[in-house]
């Protein structure tokens, strides 16, 4: 979805058809700036979050494979905003 949003933002900025025509002073170019850049940044941030999630998932799976179930569980819970005290 993030890649799609990134492409959509780029396509909107490059497309000759706009929500507000460019011949209208100031406002015409602002729609390209705000809508296009907004969708582009939304897509890029989504790609980044997905990559970060993949790294966390890989780390948790490696911890489980190594037998560190407690540490993996703690990391999973912290990712969801739940903290547990160590005994």
N, C-alpha and C. Protein backbone atom coordinates (compact mmCIF):
# COMPACT_ATOMS: atom_id res chain seq x y z
N UNK A 1 0.82 -1.19 0.00
CA UNK A 1 0.00 0.00 0.00
C UNK A 1 0.87 1.25 0.00
N UNK A 2 1.99 1.18 0.70
CA UNK A 2 2.88 2.33 0.76
C UNK A 2 3.48 2.66 -0.60
N UNK A 3 3.85 1.62 -1.33
CA UNK A 3 4.41 1.83 -2.67
C UNK A 3 3.35 2.42 -3.58
N UNK A 4 2.11 1.96 -3.44
CA UNK A 4 1.01 2.49 -4.24
C UNK A 4 0.79 3.97 -3.95
N UNK A 5 0.79 4.34 -2.66
CA UNK A 5 0.61 5.74 -2.30
C UNK A 5 1.74 6.62 -2.82
N UNK A 6 2.95 6.09 -2.78
CA UNK A 6 4.10 6.84 -3.29
C UNK A 6 3.94 7.09 -4.78
N UNK A 7 3.57 6.06 -5.52
CA UNK A 7 3.36 6.21 -6.96
C UNK A 7 2.19 7.15 -7.26
N UNK A 8 1.15 7.07 -6.46
CA UNK A 8 -0.01 7.94 -6.64
C UNK A 8 0.38 9.41 -6.42
N UNK A 9 1.18 9.67 -5.41
CA UNK A 9 1.64 11.04 -5.16
C UNK A 9 2.49 11.57 -6.29
N UNK A 10 3.39 10.74 -6.80
CA UNK A 10 4.23 11.16 -7.93
C UNK A 10 3.39 11.40 -9.17
N UNK A 11 2.43 10.52 -9.42
CA UNK A 11 1.57 10.66 -10.60
C UNK A 11 0.74 11.93 -10.51
N UNK A 12 0.24 12.27 -9.33
CA UNK A 12 -0.58 13.47 -9.18
C UNK A 12 0.26 14.71 -9.44
N UNK A 13 1.51 14.71 -8.94
CA UNK A 13 2.36 15.89 -9.13
C UNK A 13 2.77 16.05 -10.60
N UNK A 14 2.88 14.94 -11.33
CA UNK A 14 3.32 15.01 -12.72
C UNK A 14 2.17 15.11 -13.72
N UNK A 15 0.96 14.80 -13.28
CA UNK A 15 -0.19 14.78 -14.19
C UNK A 15 -0.58 16.19 -14.62
N UNK A 16 -1.02 16.33 -15.88
CA UNK A 16 -1.45 17.65 -16.34
C UNK A 16 -2.82 18.06 -15.81
N UNK A 17 -3.59 17.11 -15.28
CA UNK A 17 -4.92 17.39 -14.75
C UNK A 17 -4.79 17.63 -13.24
N UNK A 18 -5.36 18.74 -12.77
CA UNK A 18 -5.28 19.08 -11.36
C UNK A 18 -6.66 19.27 -10.76
N UNK A 19 -6.74 19.20 -9.45
CA UNK A 19 -8.00 19.49 -8.75
C UNK A 19 -8.33 20.97 -8.90
N UNK A 20 -7.31 21.80 -8.78
CA UNK A 20 -7.46 23.25 -8.98
C UNK A 20 -6.52 23.61 -10.13
N UNK A 21 -7.03 24.17 -11.23
CA UNK A 21 -6.18 24.47 -12.39
C UNK A 21 -5.02 25.40 -12.03
N UNK A 22 -3.89 25.17 -12.69
CA UNK A 22 -2.68 25.94 -12.40
C UNK A 22 -2.76 27.39 -12.86
N UNK A 23 -3.70 27.73 -13.73
CA UNK A 23 -3.76 29.12 -14.19
C UNK A 23 -4.35 30.05 -13.12
N UNK A 24 -4.94 29.49 -12.06
CA UNK A 24 -5.40 30.32 -10.95
C UNK A 24 -4.18 30.65 -10.09
N UNK A 25 -3.88 31.94 -9.92
CA UNK A 25 -2.66 32.32 -9.21
C UNK A 25 -2.60 31.75 -7.78
N UNK A 26 -1.46 31.37 -7.38
CA UNK A 26 -1.10 30.85 -6.06
C UNK A 26 -1.84 29.56 -5.71
N UNK A 27 -3.16 29.59 -5.67
CA UNK A 27 -3.95 28.42 -5.25
C UNK A 27 -3.76 27.26 -6.22
N UNK A 28 -3.58 27.54 -7.48
CA UNK A 28 -3.42 26.49 -8.49
C UNK A 28 -2.19 25.64 -8.27
N UNK A 29 -1.11 26.25 -7.83
CA UNK A 29 0.10 25.47 -7.59
C UNK A 29 0.14 24.90 -6.17
N UNK A 30 -0.66 25.46 -5.27
CA UNK A 30 -0.68 24.94 -3.91
C UNK A 30 -1.30 23.55 -3.84
N UNK A 31 -2.28 23.27 -4.68
CA UNK A 31 -2.87 21.93 -4.63
C UNK A 31 -1.85 20.87 -5.02
N UNK A 32 -1.00 21.16 -6.01
CA UNK A 32 0.06 20.22 -6.36
C UNK A 32 0.99 20.01 -5.17
N UNK A 33 1.33 21.09 -4.54
CA UNK A 33 2.27 21.02 -3.42
C UNK A 33 1.70 20.22 -2.26
N UNK A 34 0.52 20.59 -1.80
CA UNK A 34 0.00 19.96 -0.60
C UNK A 34 -0.58 18.57 -0.84
N UNK A 35 -1.38 18.40 -1.86
CA UNK A 35 -1.98 17.09 -2.10
C UNK A 35 -0.92 16.10 -2.59
N UNK A 36 -0.17 16.50 -3.59
CA UNK A 36 0.85 15.60 -4.14
C UNK A 36 1.92 15.23 -3.12
N UNK A 37 2.46 16.21 -2.44
CA UNK A 37 3.51 15.94 -1.45
C UNK A 37 2.94 15.18 -0.26
N UNK A 38 1.68 15.49 0.12
CA UNK A 38 1.06 14.77 1.23
C UNK A 38 0.92 13.29 0.95
N UNK A 39 0.42 12.97 -0.23
CA UNK A 39 0.26 11.56 -0.59
C UNK A 39 1.63 10.90 -0.76
N UNK A 40 2.58 11.61 -1.31
CA UNK A 40 3.93 11.08 -1.47
C UNK A 40 4.56 10.76 -0.12
N UNK A 41 4.48 11.69 0.83
CA UNK A 41 5.05 11.45 2.16
C UNK A 41 4.30 10.35 2.91
N UNK A 42 2.99 10.28 2.72
CA UNK A 42 2.21 9.21 3.32
C UNK A 42 2.70 7.85 2.81
N UNK A 43 2.92 7.76 1.52
CA UNK A 43 3.41 6.51 0.94
C UNK A 43 4.81 6.16 1.42
N UNK A 44 5.69 7.15 1.45
CA UNK A 44 7.07 6.88 1.91
C UNK A 44 7.11 6.48 3.37
N UNK A 45 6.29 7.13 4.20
CA UNK A 45 6.28 6.75 5.61
C UNK A 45 5.71 5.35 5.80
N UNK A 46 4.75 4.98 4.97
CA UNK A 46 4.19 3.64 5.04
C UNK A 46 5.23 2.59 4.64
N UNK A 47 6.00 2.87 3.62
CA UNK A 47 7.07 1.96 3.21
C UNK A 47 8.08 1.82 4.34
N UNK A 48 8.44 2.93 4.98
CA UNK A 48 9.40 2.90 6.09
C UNK A 48 8.86 2.09 7.26
N UNK A 49 7.57 2.30 7.62
CA UNK A 49 6.98 1.56 8.74
C UNK A 49 6.94 0.07 8.44
N UNK A 50 6.62 -0.29 7.21
CA UNK A 50 6.59 -1.71 6.84
C UNK A 50 7.97 -2.32 6.94
N UNK A 51 8.98 -1.61 6.51
CA UNK A 51 10.35 -2.12 6.59
C UNK A 51 10.77 -2.27 8.05
N UNK A 52 10.43 -1.28 8.88
CA UNK A 52 10.76 -1.36 10.30
C UNK A 52 10.04 -2.53 10.96
N UNK A 53 8.78 -2.76 10.59
CA UNK A 53 8.03 -3.89 11.14
C UNK A 53 8.68 -5.22 10.72
N UNK A 54 9.14 -5.30 9.48
CA UNK A 54 9.80 -6.52 9.02
C UNK A 54 11.07 -6.80 9.81
N UNK A 55 11.83 -5.75 10.13
CA UNK A 55 13.06 -5.91 10.90
C UNK A 55 12.72 -6.39 12.31
N UNK A 56 11.69 -5.81 12.93
CA UNK A 56 11.28 -6.23 14.28
C UNK A 56 10.82 -7.68 14.27
N UNK A 57 10.03 -8.05 13.27
CA UNK A 57 9.54 -9.42 13.18
C UNK A 57 10.69 -10.40 13.02
N UNK A 58 11.65 -10.07 12.19
CA UNK A 58 12.80 -10.94 11.99
C UNK A 58 13.60 -11.08 13.28
N UNK A 59 13.76 -9.98 14.02
CA UNK A 59 14.49 -10.02 15.29
C UNK A 59 13.77 -10.91 16.30
N UNK A 60 12.45 -10.77 16.39
CA UNK A 60 11.67 -11.59 17.33
C UNK A 60 11.75 -13.06 16.95
N UNK A 61 11.65 -13.37 15.67
CA UNK A 61 11.75 -14.77 15.24
C UNK A 61 13.14 -15.35 15.52
N UNK A 62 14.18 -14.54 15.36
CA UNK A 62 15.53 -15.00 15.69
C UNK A 62 15.67 -15.27 17.19
N UNK A 63 15.06 -14.41 18.01
CA UNK A 63 15.10 -14.64 19.45
C UNK A 63 14.41 -15.94 19.82
N UNK A 64 13.27 -16.22 19.19
CA UNK A 64 12.55 -17.47 19.47
C UNK A 64 13.36 -18.66 19.02
N UNK A 65 13.99 -18.58 17.85
CA UNK A 65 14.83 -19.67 17.35
C UNK A 65 16.01 -19.94 18.28
N UNK A 66 16.53 -18.88 18.91
CA UNK A 66 17.67 -19.02 19.82
C UNK A 66 17.24 -19.45 21.22
N UNK A 67 15.95 -19.59 21.46
CA UNK A 67 15.47 -20.02 22.76
C UNK A 67 15.22 -18.89 23.75
N UNK A 68 15.25 -17.66 23.30
CA UNK A 68 15.01 -16.51 24.17
C UNK A 68 13.54 -16.11 24.11
N UNK A 69 12.66 -17.02 24.53
CA UNK A 69 11.22 -16.77 24.44
C UNK A 69 10.79 -15.60 25.31
N UNK A 70 11.37 -15.48 26.51
CA UNK A 70 11.01 -14.39 27.41
C UNK A 70 11.33 -13.04 26.78
N UNK A 71 12.51 -12.94 26.22
CA UNK A 71 12.92 -11.67 25.59
C UNK A 71 12.05 -11.36 24.37
N UNK A 72 11.71 -12.40 23.60
CA UNK A 72 10.85 -12.20 22.43
C UNK A 72 9.47 -11.74 22.85
N UNK A 73 8.93 -12.36 23.92
CA UNK A 73 7.61 -11.95 24.42
C UNK A 73 7.65 -10.52 24.93
N UNK A 74 8.70 -10.18 25.65
CA UNK A 74 8.84 -8.81 26.17
C UNK A 74 8.90 -7.81 25.01
N UNK A 75 9.63 -8.13 23.96
CA UNK A 75 9.74 -7.25 22.81
C UNK A 75 8.40 -7.09 22.09
N UNK A 76 7.66 -8.19 21.97
CA UNK A 76 6.33 -8.13 21.35
C UNK A 76 5.38 -7.24 22.15
N UNK A 77 5.40 -7.41 23.47
CA UNK A 77 4.51 -6.62 24.32
C UNK A 77 4.89 -5.15 24.31
N UNK A 78 6.19 -4.86 24.33
CA UNK A 78 6.64 -3.46 24.29
C UNK A 78 6.25 -2.80 22.97
N UNK A 79 6.24 -3.58 21.91
CA UNK A 79 5.82 -3.05 20.62
C UNK A 79 4.35 -2.65 20.63
N UNK A 80 3.56 -3.33 21.47
CA UNK A 80 2.14 -3.01 21.60
C UNK A 80 1.89 -1.99 22.71
N UNK A 81 2.96 -1.50 23.36
CA UNK A 81 2.81 -0.48 24.39
C UNK A 81 2.60 -1.04 25.79
N UNK A 82 2.87 -2.32 25.98
CA UNK A 82 2.69 -2.96 27.29
C UNK A 82 4.07 -3.24 27.88
N UNK A 83 4.30 -2.78 29.08
CA UNK A 83 5.58 -3.04 29.74
C UNK A 83 5.35 -3.97 30.93
N UNK A 84 6.30 -4.87 31.12
CA UNK A 84 6.24 -5.76 32.27
C UNK A 84 7.51 -5.57 33.07
N UNK A 85 7.35 -5.66 34.39
CA UNK A 85 8.49 -5.49 35.28
C UNK A 85 9.26 -6.79 35.38
N UNK A 86 10.57 -6.67 35.40
CA UNK A 86 11.40 -7.85 35.60
C UNK A 86 11.38 -8.22 37.08
N UNK A 87 11.31 -9.51 37.38
CA UNK A 87 11.25 -9.94 38.81
C UNK A 87 12.55 -9.66 39.53
